[in-house]
PDB file of all heavy atoms in Angstrom:
ATOM      1  N   LEU A   1     128.601  79.954  94.517  1.00  0.00           N
ATOM      2  CA  LEU A   1     129.516  81.142  94.545  1.00  0.00           C
ATOM      3  C   LEU A   1     130.821  80.787  95.362  1.00  0.00           C
ATOM      4  O   LEU A   1     130.946  79.835  95.982  1.00  0.00           O
ATOM      5  CB  LEU A   1     128.748  82.259  95.388  1.00  0.00           C
ATOM      6  CG  LEU A   1     128.386  82.049  96.887  1.00  0.00           C
ATOM      7  CD1 LEU A   1     129.472  82.161  97.821  1.00  0.00           C
ATOM      8  CD2 LEU A   1     127.232  83.103  97.298  1.00  0.00           C
ATOM      9  N   GLN A   2     131.757  81.756  95.092  1.00  0.00           N
ATOM     10  CA  GLN A   2     133.037  81.699  95.841  1.00  0.00           C
ATOM     11  C   GLN A   2     133.319  83.190  96.110  1.00  0.00           C
ATOM     12  O   GLN A   2     133.662  83.942  95.233  1.00  0.00           O
ATOM     13  CB  GLN A   2     134.096  81.073  95.039  1.00  0.00           C
ATOM     14  CG  GLN A   2     135.472  81.048  95.906  1.00  0.00           C
ATOM     15  CD  GLN A   2     136.587  80.315  95.153  1.00  0.00           C
ATOM     16  OE1 GLN A   2     136.468  79.673  94.121  1.00  0.00           O
ATOM     17  NE2 GLN A   2     137.751  80.418  95.721  1.00  0.00           N
ATOM     18  N   LYS A   3     133.168  83.559  97.264  1.00  0.00           N
ATOM     19  CA  LYS A   3     133.413  84.967  97.708  1.00  0.00           C
ATOM     20  C   LYS A   3     134.109  85.062  99.051  1.00  0.00           C
ATOM     21  O   LYS A   3     134.144  84.024  99.818  1.00  0.00           O
ATOM     22  CB  LYS A   3     131.999  85.826  97.818  1.00  0.00           C
ATOM     23  CG  LYS A   3     131.443  85.896  96.429  1.00  0.00           C
ATOM     24  CD  LYS A   3     130.208  86.737  96.493  1.00  0.00           C
ATOM     25  CE  LYS A   3     129.471  86.942  95.253  1.00  0.00           C
ATOM     26  NZ  LYS A   3     130.192  87.781  94.312  1.00  0.00           N
ATOM     27  N   SER A   4     134.717  86.131  99.456  1.00  0.00           N
ATOM     28  CA  SER A   4     135.197  86.335 100.764  1.00  0.00           C
ATOM     29  C   SER A   4     134.168  86.209 101.768  1.00  0.00           C
ATOM     30  O   SER A   4     132.964  86.737 101.468  1.00  0.00           O
ATOM     31  CB  SER A   4     136.015  87.628 100.881  1.00  0.00           C
ATOM     32  OG  SER A   4     135.343  88.749 100.987  1.00  0.00           O
ATOM     33  N   ARG A   5     134.405  85.768 102.888  1.00  0.00           N
ATOM     34  CA  ARG A   5     133.378  85.727 104.142  1.00  0.00           C
ATOM     35  C   ARG A   5     132.906  87.276 104.349  1.00  0.00           C
ATOM     36  O   ARG A   5     131.695  87.466 104.492  1.00  0.00           O
ATOM     37  CB  ARG A   5     134.019  85.186 105.308  1.00  0.00           C
ATOM     38  CG  ARG A   5     133.129  85.225 106.477  1.00  0.00           C
ATOM     39  CD  ARG A   5     133.949  85.184 107.839  1.00  0.00           C
ATOM     40  NE  ARG A   5     134.813  86.259 107.931  1.00  0.00           N
ATOM     41  CZ  ARG A   5     135.736  86.244 108.892  1.00  0.00           C
ATOM     42  NH1 ARG A   5     135.856  85.326 109.773  1.00  0.00           N
ATOM     43  NH2 ARG A   5     136.590  87.411 108.969  1.00  0.00           N
ATOM     44  N   ASP A   6     133.815  88.191 104.367  1.00  0.00           N
ATOM     45  CA  ASP A   6     133.475  89.487 104.581  1.00  0.00           C
ATOM     46  C   ASP A   6     132.524  90.148 103.628  1.00  0.00           C
ATOM     47  O   ASP A   6     131.547  90.836 103.972  1.00  0.00           O
ATOM     48  CB  ASP A   6     134.649  90.432 104.749  1.00  0.00           C
ATOM     49  CG  ASP A   6     135.451  90.075 105.966  1.00  0.00           C
ATOM     50  OD1 ASP A   6     134.887  89.443 106.900  1.00  0.00           O
ATOM     51  OD2 ASP A   6     136.725  90.554 106.168  1.00  0.00           O
ATOM     52  N   GLU A   7     132.795  89.764 102.243  1.00  0.00           N
ATOM     53  CA  GLU A   7     131.909  90.233 101.331  1.00  0.00           C
ATOM     54  C   GLU A   7     130.515  89.705 101.407  1.00  0.00           C
ATOM     55  O   GLU A   7     129.510  90.472 101.126  1.00  0.00           O
ATOM     56  CB  GLU A   7     132.431  89.862  99.896  1.00  0.00           C
ATOM     57  CG  GLU A   7     131.673  90.380  98.742  1.00  0.00           C
ATOM     58  CD  GLU A   7     132.346  90.074  97.344  1.00  0.00           C
ATOM     59  OE1 GLU A   7     133.342  89.533  97.328  1.00  0.00           O
ATOM     60  OE2 GLU A   7     131.698  90.344  96.354  1.00  0.00           O
ATOM     61  N   ILE A   8     130.289  88.487 101.740  1.00  0.00           N
ATOM     62  CA  ILE A   8     129.065  87.896 101.958  1.00  0.00           C
ATOM     63  C   ILE A   8     128.322  88.515 103.231  1.00  0.00           C
ATOM     64  O   ILE A   8     127.185  88.939 102.999  1.00  0.00           O
ATOM     65  CB  ILE A   8     129.114  86.362 102.089  1.00  0.00           C
ATOM     66  CG1 ILE A   8     129.632  85.712 100.904  1.00  0.00           C
ATOM     67  CG2 ILE A   8     127.807  85.801 102.531  1.00  0.00           C
ATOM     68  CD1 ILE A   8     129.858  84.241 101.016  1.00  0.00           C
ATOM     69  N   ILE A   9     129.022  88.490 104.396  1.00  0.00           N
ATOM     70  CA  ILE A   9     128.402  89.060 105.473  1.00  0.00           C
ATOM     71  C   ILE A   9     128.126  90.538 105.474  1.00  0.00           C
ATOM     72  O   ILE A   9     127.034  90.987 105.946  1.00  0.00           O
ATOM     73  CB  ILE A   9     129.373  88.708 106.755  1.00  0.00           C
ATOM     74  CG1 ILE A   9     129.551  87.182 106.952  1.00  0.00           C
ATOM     75  CG2 ILE A   9     128.685  89.399 108.052  1.00  0.00           C
ATOM     76  CD1 ILE A   9     128.267  86.383 107.047  1.00  0.00           C
ATOM     77  N   ASP A  10     128.958  91.338 104.826  1.00  0.00           N
ATOM     78  CA  ASP A  10     128.824  92.689 104.762  1.00  0.00           C
ATOM     79  C   ASP A  10     127.995  93.189 103.721  1.00  0.00           C
ATOM     80  O   ASP A  10     127.097  94.322 103.886  1.00  0.00           O
ATOM     81  CB  ASP A  10     130.202  93.425 104.589  1.00  0.00           C
ATOM     82  CG  ASP A  10     131.123  93.209 105.640  1.00  0.00           C
ATOM     83  OD1 ASP A  10     130.728  92.925 106.820  1.00  0.00           O
ATOM     84  OD2 ASP A  10     132.365  93.486 105.449  1.00  0.00           O
ATOM     85  N   ASN A  11     127.833  92.449 102.588  1.00  0.00           N
ATOM     86  CA  ASN A  11     126.971  92.991 101.474  1.00  0.00           C
ATOM     87  C   ASN A  11     125.759  92.199 101.254  1.00  0.00           C
ATOM     88  O   ASN A  11     124.707  92.932 100.879  1.00  0.00           O
ATOM     89  CB  ASN A  11     127.768  92.860 100.115  1.00  0.00           C
ATOM     90  CG  ASN A  11     129.060  93.697 100.150  1.00  0.00           C
ATOM     91  OD1 ASN A  11     129.177  94.621 100.858  1.00  0.00           O
ATOM     92  ND2 ASN A  11     130.017  93.329  99.264  1.00  0.00           N
ATOM     93  N   TYR A  12     125.649  90.996 101.494  1.00  0.00           N
ATOM     94  CA  TYR A  12     124.253  90.259 101.366  1.00  0.00           C
ATOM     95  C   TYR A  12     123.460  90.648 102.479  1.00  0.00           C
ATOM     96  O   TYR A  12     123.806  90.960 103.606  1.00  0.00           O
ATOM     97  CB  TYR A  12     124.559  88.836 101.304  1.00  0.00           C
ATOM     98  CG  TYR A  12     125.089  88.403  99.915  1.00  0.00           C
ATOM     99  CD1 TYR A  12     126.268  88.688  99.451  1.00  0.00           C
ATOM    100  CD2 TYR A  12     124.298  87.379  99.133  1.00  0.00           C
ATOM    101  CE1 TYR A  12     126.805  88.199  98.255  1.00  0.00           C
ATOM    102  CE2 TYR A  12     124.744  87.053  97.990  1.00  0.00           C
ATOM    103  CZ  TYR A  12     126.101  87.373  97.456  1.00  0.00           C
ATOM    104  OH  TYR A  12     126.512  86.948  96.293  1.00  0.00           O
ATOM    105  N   GLY A  13     122.177  90.428 102.175  1.00  0.00           N
ATOM    106  CA  GLY A  13     121.189  90.709 103.295  1.00  0.00           C
ATOM    107  C   GLY A  13     119.807  90.131 102.874  1.00  0.00           C
ATOM    108  O   GLY A  13     119.581  89.513 101.799  1.00  0.00           O
ATOM    109  N   ILE A  14     118.843  90.154 103.943  1.00  0.00           N
ATOM    110  CA  ILE A  14     117.409  89.550 103.753  1.00  0.00           C
ATOM    111  C   ILE A  14     116.547  90.749 103.785  1.00  0.00           C
ATOM    112  O   ILE A  14     116.366  91.334 104.897  1.00  0.00           O
ATOM    113  CB  ILE A  14     117.149  88.511 104.743  1.00  0.00           C
ATOM    114  CG1 ILE A  14     118.190  87.388 104.620  1.00  0.00           C
ATOM    115  CG2 ILE A  14     115.733  87.947 104.666  1.00  0.00           C
ATOM    116  CD1 ILE A  14     118.047  86.303 105.771  1.00  0.00           C
ATOM    117  N   LEU A  15     116.029  91.045 102.741  1.00  0.00           N
ATOM    118  CA  LEU A  15     114.975  92.087 102.625  1.00  0.00           C
ATOM    119  C   LEU A  15     113.619  91.558 102.939  1.00  0.00           C
ATOM    120  O   LEU A  15     113.141  90.524 102.355  1.00  0.00           O
ATOM    121  CB  LEU A  15     114.918  92.679 101.210  1.00  0.00           C
ATOM    122  CG  LEU A  15     114.037  93.858 100.840  1.00  0.00           C
ATOM    123  CD1 LEU A  15     114.682  94.856  99.844  1.00  0.00           C
ATOM    124  CD2 LEU A  15     112.654  93.455 100.472  1.00  0.00           C
ATOM    125  N   LYS A  16     112.920  92.191 103.985  1.00  0.00           N
ATOM    126  CA  LYS A  16     111.549  91.679 104.255  1.00  0.00           C
ATOM    127  C   LYS A  16     110.508  92.774 103.896  1.00  0.00           C
ATOM    128  O   LYS A  16     110.645  93.850 104.163  1.00  0.00           O
ATOM    129  CB  LYS A  16     111.617  91.410 105.759  1.00  0.00           C
ATOM    130  CG  LYS A  16     112.549  90.264 106.196  1.00  0.00           C
ATOM    131  CD  LYS A  16     112.506  90.046 107.690  1.00  0.00           C
ATOM    132  CE  LYS A  16     113.371  88.902 108.102  1.00  0.00           C
ATOM    133  NZ  LYS A  16     113.370  88.707 109.481  1.00  0.00           N
ATOM    134  N   CYS A  17     109.547  92.264 103.238  1.00  0.00           N
ATOM    135  CA  CYS A  17     108.430  93.157 102.804  1.00  0.00           C
ATOM    136  C   CYS A  17     107.032  92.395 102.878  1.00  0.00           C
ATOM    137  O   CYS A  17     107.071  91.185 102.933  1.00  0.00           O
ATOM    138  CB  CYS A  17     108.498  93.621 101.390  1.00  0.00           C
ATOM    139  SG  CYS A  17     108.414  92.406 100.079  1.00  0.00           S
ATOM    140  N   ASP A  18     105.908  93.137 103.061  1.00  0.00           N
ATOM    141  CA  ASP A  18     104.729  92.520 103.197  1.00  0.00           C
ATOM    142  C   ASP A  18     104.276  91.973 101.774  1.00  0.00           C
ATOM    143  O   ASP A  18     104.884  92.274 100.766  1.00  0.00           O
ATOM    144  CB  ASP A  18     103.599  93.394 103.703  1.00  0.00           C
ATOM    145  CG  ASP A  18     103.416  94.745 102.852  1.00  0.00           C
ATOM    146  OD1 ASP A  18     103.300  94.482 101.716  1.00  0.00           O
ATOM    147  OD2 ASP A  18     103.132  95.732 103.404  1.00  0.00           O
ATOM    148  N   ILE A  19     103.246  91.080 101.765  1.00  0.00           N
ATOM    149  CA  ILE A  19     102.899  90.360 100.698  1.00  0.00           C
ATOM    150  C   ILE A  19     102.538  91.280  99.401  1.00  0.00           C
ATOM    151  O   ILE A  19     102.773  91.146  98.392  1.00  0.00           O
ATOM    152  CB  ILE A  19     101.721  89.394 100.956  1.00  0.00           C
ATOM    153  CG1 ILE A  19     102.389  88.281 101.779  1.00  0.00           C
ATOM    154  CG2 ILE A  19     101.062  88.819  99.698  1.00  0.00           C
ATOM    155  CD1 ILE A  19     101.368  87.352 102.350  1.00  0.00           C
ATOM    156  N   ASP A  20     101.834  92.393  99.745  1.00  0.00           N
ATOM    157  CA  ASP A  20     101.229  93.462  98.847  1.00  0.00           C
ATOM    158  C   ASP A  20     102.455  94.066  98.084  1.00  0.00           C
ATOM    159  O   ASP A  20     102.353  94.564  96.976  1.00  0.00           O
ATOM    160  CB  ASP A  20     100.324  94.335  99.420  1.00  0.00           C
ATOM    161  CG  ASP A  20      99.031  93.606  99.865  1.00  0.00           C
ATOM    162  OD1 ASP A  20      98.660  92.645  99.308  1.00  0.00           O
ATOM    163  OD2 ASP A  20      98.337  94.145 100.779  1.00  0.00           O
ATOM    164  N   TYR A  21     103.571  94.330  98.916  1.00  0.00           N
ATOM    165  CA  TYR A  21     104.655  95.106  98.369  1.00  0.00           C
ATOM    166  C   TYR A  21     105.568  94.281  97.431  1.00  0.00           C
ATOM    167  O   TYR A  21     106.363  94.921  96.648  1.00  0.00           O
ATOM    168  CB  TYR A  21     105.362  95.658  99.583  1.00  0.00           C
ATOM    169  CG  TYR A  21     106.431  96.861  99.094  1.00  0.00           C
ATOM    170  CD1 TYR A  21     106.051  98.165  98.881  1.00  0.00           C
ATOM    171  CD2 TYR A  21     107.756  96.427  98.922  1.00  0.00           C
ATOM    172  CE1 TYR A  21     106.887  99.094  98.598  1.00  0.00           C
ATOM    173  CE2 TYR A  21     108.676  97.428  98.484  1.00  0.00           C
ATOM    174  CZ  TYR A  21     108.393  98.757  98.359  1.00  0.00           C
ATOM    175  OH  TYR A  21     109.186  99.807  97.963  1.00  0.00           O
ATOM    176  N   PHE A  22     105.541  92.932  97.469  1.00  0.00           N
ATOM    177  CA  PHE A  22     106.519  92.148  96.786  1.00  0.00           C
ATOM    178  C   PHE A  22     106.537  92.483  95.313  1.00  0.00           C
ATOM    179  O   PHE A  22     107.584  92.415  94.648  1.00  0.00           O
ATOM    180  CB  PHE A  22     106.085  90.756  96.878  1.00  0.00           C
ATOM    181  CG  PHE A  22     107.058  89.694  96.287  1.00  0.00           C
ATOM    182  CD1 PHE A  22     108.370  89.538  96.792  1.00  0.00           C
ATOM    183  CD2 PHE A  22     106.747  89.024  95.237  1.00  0.00           C
ATOM    184  CE1 PHE A  22     109.255  88.659  96.117  1.00  0.00           C
ATOM    185  CE2 PHE A  22     107.446  88.134  94.517  1.00  0.00           C
ATOM    186  CZ  PHE A  22     108.770  87.975  95.003  1.00  0.00           C
ATOM    187  N   SER A  23     105.370  92.868  94.639  1.00  0.00           N
ATOM    188  CA  SER A  23     105.446  93.140  93.187  1.00  0.00           C
ATOM    189  C   SER A  23     106.241  94.457  92.938  1.00  0.00           C
ATOM    190  O   SER A  23     106.524  94.605  91.723  1.00  0.00           O
ATOM    191  CB  SER A  23     103.892  93.425  92.714  1.00  0.00           C
ATOM    192  OG  SER A  23     103.308  94.414  93.504  1.00  0.00           O
ATOM    193  N   ASN A  24     106.522  95.267  93.850  1.00  0.00           N
ATOM    194  CA  ASN A  24     107.330  96.455  93.655  1.00  0.00           C
ATOM    195  C   ASN A  24     108.862  96.167  93.562  1.00  0.00           C
ATOM    196  O   ASN A  24     109.601  96.972  93.239  1.00  0.00           O
ATOM    197  CB  ASN A  24     107.104  97.421  94.764  1.00  0.00           C
ATOM    198  CG  ASN A  24     105.580  98.020  94.672  1.00  0.00           C
ATOM    199  OD1 ASN A  24     105.086  98.275  93.573  1.00  0.00           O
ATOM    200  ND2 ASN A  24     104.982  98.085  95.791  1.00  0.00           N
ATOM    201  N   ILE A  25     109.357  94.944  94.091  1.00  0.00           N
ATOM    202  CA  ILE A  25     110.679  94.656  94.074  1.00  0.00           C
ATOM    203  C   ILE A  25     111.103  94.286  92.687  1.00  0.00           C
ATOM    204  O   ILE A  25     110.505  93.471  92.020  1.00  0.00           O
ATOM    205  CB  ILE A  25     110.903  93.441  94.971  1.00  0.00           C
ATOM    206  CG1 ILE A  25     110.317  93.703  96.350  1.00  0.00           C
ATOM    207  CG2 ILE A  25     112.511  93.174  95.068  1.00  0.00           C
ATOM    208  CD1 ILE A  25     110.942  94.937  97.195  1.00  0.00           C
ATOM    209  N   ASP A  26     112.232  94.874  92.171  1.00  0.00           N
ATOM    210  CA  ASP A  26     112.765  94.682  90.919  1.00  0.00           C
ATOM    211  C   ASP A  26     113.288  93.251  90.981  1.00  0.00           C
ATOM    212  O   ASP A  26     114.069  92.886  91.684  1.00  0.00           O
ATOM    213  CB  ASP A  26     113.956  95.740  90.637  1.00  0.00           C
ATOM    214  CG  ASP A  26     114.464  95.638  89.324  1.00  0.00           C
ATOM    215  OD1 ASP A  26     114.355  94.630  88.568  1.00  0.00           O
ATOM    216  OD2 ASP A  26     115.016  96.635  88.832  1.00  0.00           O
ATOM    217  N   LYS A  27     112.944  92.557  89.765  1.00  0.00           N
ATOM    218  CA  LYS A  27     113.356  91.098  89.690  1.00  0.00           C
ATOM    219  C   LYS A  27     114.887  90.994  89.625  1.00  0.00           C
ATOM    220  O   LYS A  27     115.380  89.984  90.063  1.00  0.00           O
ATOM    221  CB  LYS A  27     112.685  90.454  88.431  1.00  0.00           C
ATOM    222  CG  LYS A  27     111.195  90.368  88.551  1.00  0.00           C
ATOM    223  CD  LYS A  27     110.647  89.709  87.293  1.00  0.00           C
ATOM    224  CE  LYS A  27     109.172  89.521  87.462  1.00  0.00           C
ATOM    225  NZ  LYS A  27     108.518  88.901  86.171  1.00  0.00           N
ATOM    226  N   LYS A  28     115.494  91.997  89.091  1.00  0.00           N
ATOM    227  CA  LYS A  28     117.035  91.942  89.001  1.00  0.00           C
ATOM    228  C   LYS A  28     117.609  91.936  90.479  1.00  0.00           C
ATOM    229  O   LYS A  28     118.754  91.579  90.659  1.00  0.00           O
ATOM    230  CB  LYS A  28     117.508  93.135  88.252  1.00  0.00           C
ATOM    231  CG  LYS A  28     117.113  93.175  86.800  1.00  0.00           C
ATOM    232  CD  LYS A  28     117.597  94.319  86.002  1.00  0.00           C
ATOM    233  CE  LYS A  28     117.183  94.257  84.694  1.00  0.00           C
ATOM    234  NZ  LYS A  28     117.652  95.455  83.883  1.00  0.00           N
ATOM    235  N   ASP A  29     116.911  92.473  91.449  1.00  0.00           N
ATOM    236  CA  ASP A  29     117.487  92.455  92.830  1.00  0.00           C
ATOM    237  C   ASP A  29     117.266  91.256  93.555  1.00  0.00           C
ATOM    238  O   ASP A  29     117.731  91.098  94.714  1.00  0.00           O
ATOM    239  CB  ASP A  29     116.816  93.767  93.590  1.00  0.00           C
ATOM    240  CG  ASP A  29     117.189  95.010  92.900  1.00  0.00           C
ATOM    241  OD1 ASP A  29     118.265  95.133  92.419  1.00  0.00           O
ATOM    242  OD2 ASP A  29     116.346  95.926  93.052  1.00  0.00           O
ATOM    243  N   ILE A  30     116.508  90.311  93.040  1.00  0.00           N
ATOM    244  CA  ILE A  30     116.144  89.088  93.692  1.00  0.00           C
ATOM    245  C   ILE A  30     117.004  87.921  93.414  1.00  0.00           C
ATOM    246  O   ILE A  30     116.989  87.435  92.232  1.00  0.00           O
ATOM    247  CB  ILE A  30     114.648  88.689  93.476  1.00  0.00           C
ATOM    248  CG1 ILE A  30     113.787  89.873  93.971  1.00  0.00           C
ATOM    249  CG2 ILE A  30     114.326  87.447  94.249  1.00  0.00           C
ATOM    250  CD1 ILE A  30     112.260  89.638  93.596  1.00  0.00           C
ATOM    251  N   ILE A  31     117.825  87.459  94.367  1.00  0.00           N
ATOM    252  CA  ILE A  31     118.525  86.188  94.082  1.00  0.00           C
ATOM    253  C   ILE A  31     117.690  84.947  94.398  1.00  0.00           C
ATOM    254  O   ILE A  31     117.688  83.984  93.611  1.00  0.00           O
ATOM    255  CB  ILE A  31     119.808  86.153  94.913  1.00  0.00           C
ATOM    256  CG1 ILE A  31     120.811  87.402  94.742  1.00  0.00           C
ATOM    257  CG2 ILE A  31     120.603  84.801  94.812  1.00  0.00           C
ATOM    258  CD1 ILE A  31     121.911  87.527  95.650  1.00  0.00           C
ATOM    259  N   ALA A  32     116.976  85.027  95.380  1.00  0.00           N
ATOM    260  CA  ALA A  32     116.062  83.952  95.809  1.00  0.00           C
ATOM    261  C   ALA A  32     115.075  84.640  96.900  1.00  0.00           C
ATOM    262  O   ALA A  32     115.336  85.550  97.517  1.00  0.00           O
ATOM    263  CB  ALA A  32     116.806  82.724  96.466  1.00  0.00           C
ATOM    264  N   TYR A  33     113.889  83.931  97.050  1.00  0.00           N
ATOM    265  CA  TYR A  33     112.954  84.503  98.053  1.00  0.00           C
ATOM    266  C   TYR A  33     112.225  83.288  98.621  1.00  0.00           C
ATOM    267  O   TYR A  33     112.046  82.218  98.013  1.00  0.00           O
ATOM    268  CB  TYR A  33     111.967  85.515  97.248  1.00  0.00           C
ATOM    269  CG  TYR A  33     111.012  84.973  96.342  1.00  0.00           C
ATOM    270  CD1 TYR A  33     109.858  84.512  96.619  1.00  0.00           C
ATOM    271  CD2 TYR A  33     111.467  84.837  94.966  1.00  0.00           C
ATOM    272  CE1 TYR A  33     108.908  83.984  95.746  1.00  0.00           C
ATOM    273  CE2 TYR A  33     110.591  84.274  94.057  1.00  0.00           C
ATOM    274  CZ  TYR A  33     109.248  83.844  94.447  1.00  0.00           C
ATOM    275  OH  TYR A  33     108.432  83.374  93.519  1.00  0.00           O
ATOM    276  N   LYS A  34     111.623  83.597  99.776  1.00  0.00           N
ATOM    277  CA  LYS A  34     110.663  82.662 100.440  1.00  0.00           C
ATOM    278  C   LYS A  34     109.471  83.492 101.008  1.00  0.00           C
ATOM    279  O   LYS A  34     109.541  84.456 101.512  1.00  0.00           O
ATOM    280  CB  LYS A  34     111.541  82.151 101.594  1.00  0.00           C
ATOM    281  CG  LYS A  34     110.683  81.123 102.561  1.00  0.00           C
ATOM    282  CD  LYS A  34     111.555  80.428 103.611  1.00  0.00           C
ATOM    283  CE  LYS A  34     111.954  81.459 104.636  1.00  0.00           C
ATOM    284  NZ  LYS A  34     112.734  80.879 105.807  1.00  0.00           N
ATOM    285  N   LYS A  35     108.390  82.872 100.790  1.00  0.00           N
ATOM    286  CA  LYS A  35     107.100  83.509 101.197  1.00  0.00           C
ATOM    287  C   LYS A  35     106.681  82.740 102.542  1.00  0.00           C
ATOM    288  O   LYS A  35     106.750  81.650 102.788  1.00  0.00           O
ATOM    289  CB  LYS A  35     106.005  83.239 100.224  1.00  0.00           C
ATOM    290  CG  LYS A  35     104.706  83.947 100.582  1.00  0.00           C
ATOM    291  CD  LYS A  35     103.623  83.553  99.510  1.00  0.00           C
ATOM    292  CE  LYS A  35     102.278  84.343  99.859  1.00  0.00           C
ATOM    293  NZ  LYS A  35     101.336  83.968  98.832  1.00  0.00           N
ATOM    294  N   THR A  36     106.492  83.763 103.529  1.00  0.00           N
ATOM    295  CA  THR A  36     105.908  83.299 104.862  1.00  0.00           C
ATOM    296  C   THR A  36     104.530  83.622 104.869  1.00  0.00           C
ATOM    297  O   THR A  36     103.882  84.107 103.920  1.00  0.00           O
ATOM    298  CB  THR A  36     106.711  83.880 106.006  1.00  0.00           C
ATOM    299  OG1 THR A  36     106.525  85.322 105.925  1.00  0.00           O
ATOM    300  CG2 THR A  36     108.273  83.635 105.893  1.00  0.00           C
ATOM    301  N   LYS A  37     103.937  83.348 106.009  1.00  0.00           N
ATOM    302  CA  LYS A  37     102.404  83.650 106.228  1.00  0.00           C
ATOM    303  C   LYS A  37     102.048  85.091 105.841  1.00  0.00           C
ATOM    304  O   LYS A  37     101.042  85.345 105.262  1.00  0.00           O
ATOM    305  CB  LYS A  37     101.891  83.152 107.605  1.00  0.00           C
ATOM    306  CG  LYS A  37     100.505  83.264 107.747  1.00  0.00           C
ATOM    307  CD  LYS A  37     100.043  82.660 109.163  1.00  0.00           C
ATOM    308  CE  LYS A  37      98.523  82.573 109.165  1.00  0.00           C
ATOM    309  NZ  LYS A  37      98.107  82.002 110.500  1.00  0.00           N
ATOM    310  N   TYR A  38     102.831  86.029 106.328  1.00  0.00           N
ATOM    311  CA  TYR A  38     102.473  87.456 106.304  1.00  0.00           C
ATOM    312  C   TYR A  38     103.507  88.286 105.446  1.00  0.00           C
ATOM    313  O   TYR A  38     103.217  89.492 105.286  1.00  0.00           O
ATOM    314  CB  TYR A  38     102.449  87.941 107.751  1.00  0.00           C
ATOM    315  CG  TYR A  38     101.429  87.394 108.567  1.00  0.00           C
ATOM    316  CD1 TYR A  38     101.802  86.585 109.579  1.00  0.00           C
ATOM    317  CD2 TYR A  38     100.043  87.499 108.376  1.00  0.00           C
ATOM    318  CE1 TYR A  38     100.894  85.931 110.466  1.00  0.00           C
ATOM    319  CE2 TYR A  38      99.068  86.909 109.243  1.00  0.00           C
ATOM    320  CZ  TYR A  38      99.523  86.099 110.202  1.00  0.00           C
ATOM    321  OH  TYR A  38      98.672  85.481 111.048  1.00  0.00           O
ATOM    322  N   ALA A  39     104.571  87.689 105.005  1.00  0.00           N
ATOM    323  CA  ALA A  39     105.594  88.546 104.326  1.00  0.00           C
ATOM    324  C   ALA A  39     106.448  87.646 103.403  1.00  0.00           C
ATOM    325  O   ALA A  39     106.271  86.467 103.233  1.00  0.00           O
ATOM    326  CB  ALA A  39     106.477  89.106 105.347  1.00  0.00           C
ATOM    327  N   TYR A  40     107.368  88.383 102.690  1.00  0.00           N
ATOM    328  CA  TYR A  40     108.334  87.766 101.784  1.00  0.00           C
ATOM    329  C   TYR A  40     109.737  87.984 102.436  1.00  0.00           C
ATOM    330  O   TYR A  40     109.988  89.194 102.906  1.00  0.00           O
ATOM    331  CB  TYR A  40     108.344  88.285 100.418  1.00  0.00           C
ATOM    332  CG  TYR A  40     107.226  87.731  99.562  1.00  0.00           C
ATOM    333  CD1 TYR A  40     106.041  88.237  99.472  1.00  0.00           C
ATOM    334  CD2 TYR A  40     107.494  86.622  98.741  1.00  0.00           C
ATOM    335  CE1 TYR A  40     104.947  87.753  98.651  1.00  0.00           C
ATOM    336  CE2 TYR A  40     106.598  86.036  97.913  1.00  0.00           C
ATOM    337  CZ  TYR A  40     105.251  86.614  97.873  1.00  0.00           C
ATOM    338  OH  TYR A  40     104.288  86.121  97.042  1.00  0.00           O
ATOM    339  N   GLU A  41     110.648  87.016 102.368  1.00  0.00           N
ATOM    340  CA  GLU A  41     111.982  87.136 102.773  1.00  0.00           C
ATOM    341  C   GLU A  41     112.814  87.059 101.427  1.00  0.00           C
ATOM    342  O   GLU A  41     112.735  85.994 100.723  1.00  0.00           O
ATOM    343  CB  GLU A  41     112.496  86.113 103.736  1.00  0.00           C
ATOM    344  CG  GLU A  41     111.747  86.373 105.090  1.00  0.00           C
ATOM    345  CD  GLU A  41     112.279  85.316 106.046  1.00  0.00           C
ATOM    346  OE1 GLU A  41     112.983  84.491 105.761  1.00  0.00           O
ATOM    347  OE2 GLU A  41     111.770  85.350 107.223  1.00  0.00           O
ATOM    348  N   ILE A  42     113.560  88.099 101.134  1.00  0.00           N
ATOM    349  CA  ILE A  42     114.215  88.167  99.760  1.00  0.00           C
ATOM    350  C   ILE A  42     115.735  88.302  99.986  1.00  0.00           C
ATOM    351  O   ILE A  42     116.247  89.124 100.720  1.00  0.00           O
ATOM    352  CB  ILE A  42     113.747  89.334  98.969  1.00  0.00           C
ATOM    353  CG1 ILE A  42     112.248  89.169  98.742  1.00  0.00           C
ATOM    354  CG2 ILE A  42     114.431  89.411  97.591  1.00  0.00           C
ATOM    355  CD1 ILE A  42     111.620  90.579  98.312  1.00  0.00           C
ATOM    356  N   LEU A  43     116.501  87.292  99.346  1.00  0.00           N
ATOM    357  CA  LEU A  43     117.990  87.401  99.439  1.00  0.00           C
ATOM    358  C   LEU A  43     118.396  88.490  98.364  1.00  0.00           C
ATOM    359  O   LEU A  43     118.155  88.380  97.156  1.00  0.00           O
ATOM    360  CB  LEU A  43     118.579  86.064  99.155  1.00  0.00           C
ATOM    361  CG  LEU A  43     120.049  85.954  99.032  1.00  0.00           C
ATOM    362  CD1 LEU A  43     120.694  86.316 100.433  1.00  0.00           C
ATOM    363  CD2 LEU A  43     120.426  84.600  98.591  1.00  0.00           C
TER     364      LEU A  43
END
């Protein structure tokens, strides 16, 4: 990517949901994700 710092800091985020809820997240909204022991972290 090449974006302004403000655009990244202001617009991007890490969505955290429990393991059971992950299937409800629209795939189009997921840039990348990481599974932890109890939850998912989604960019």
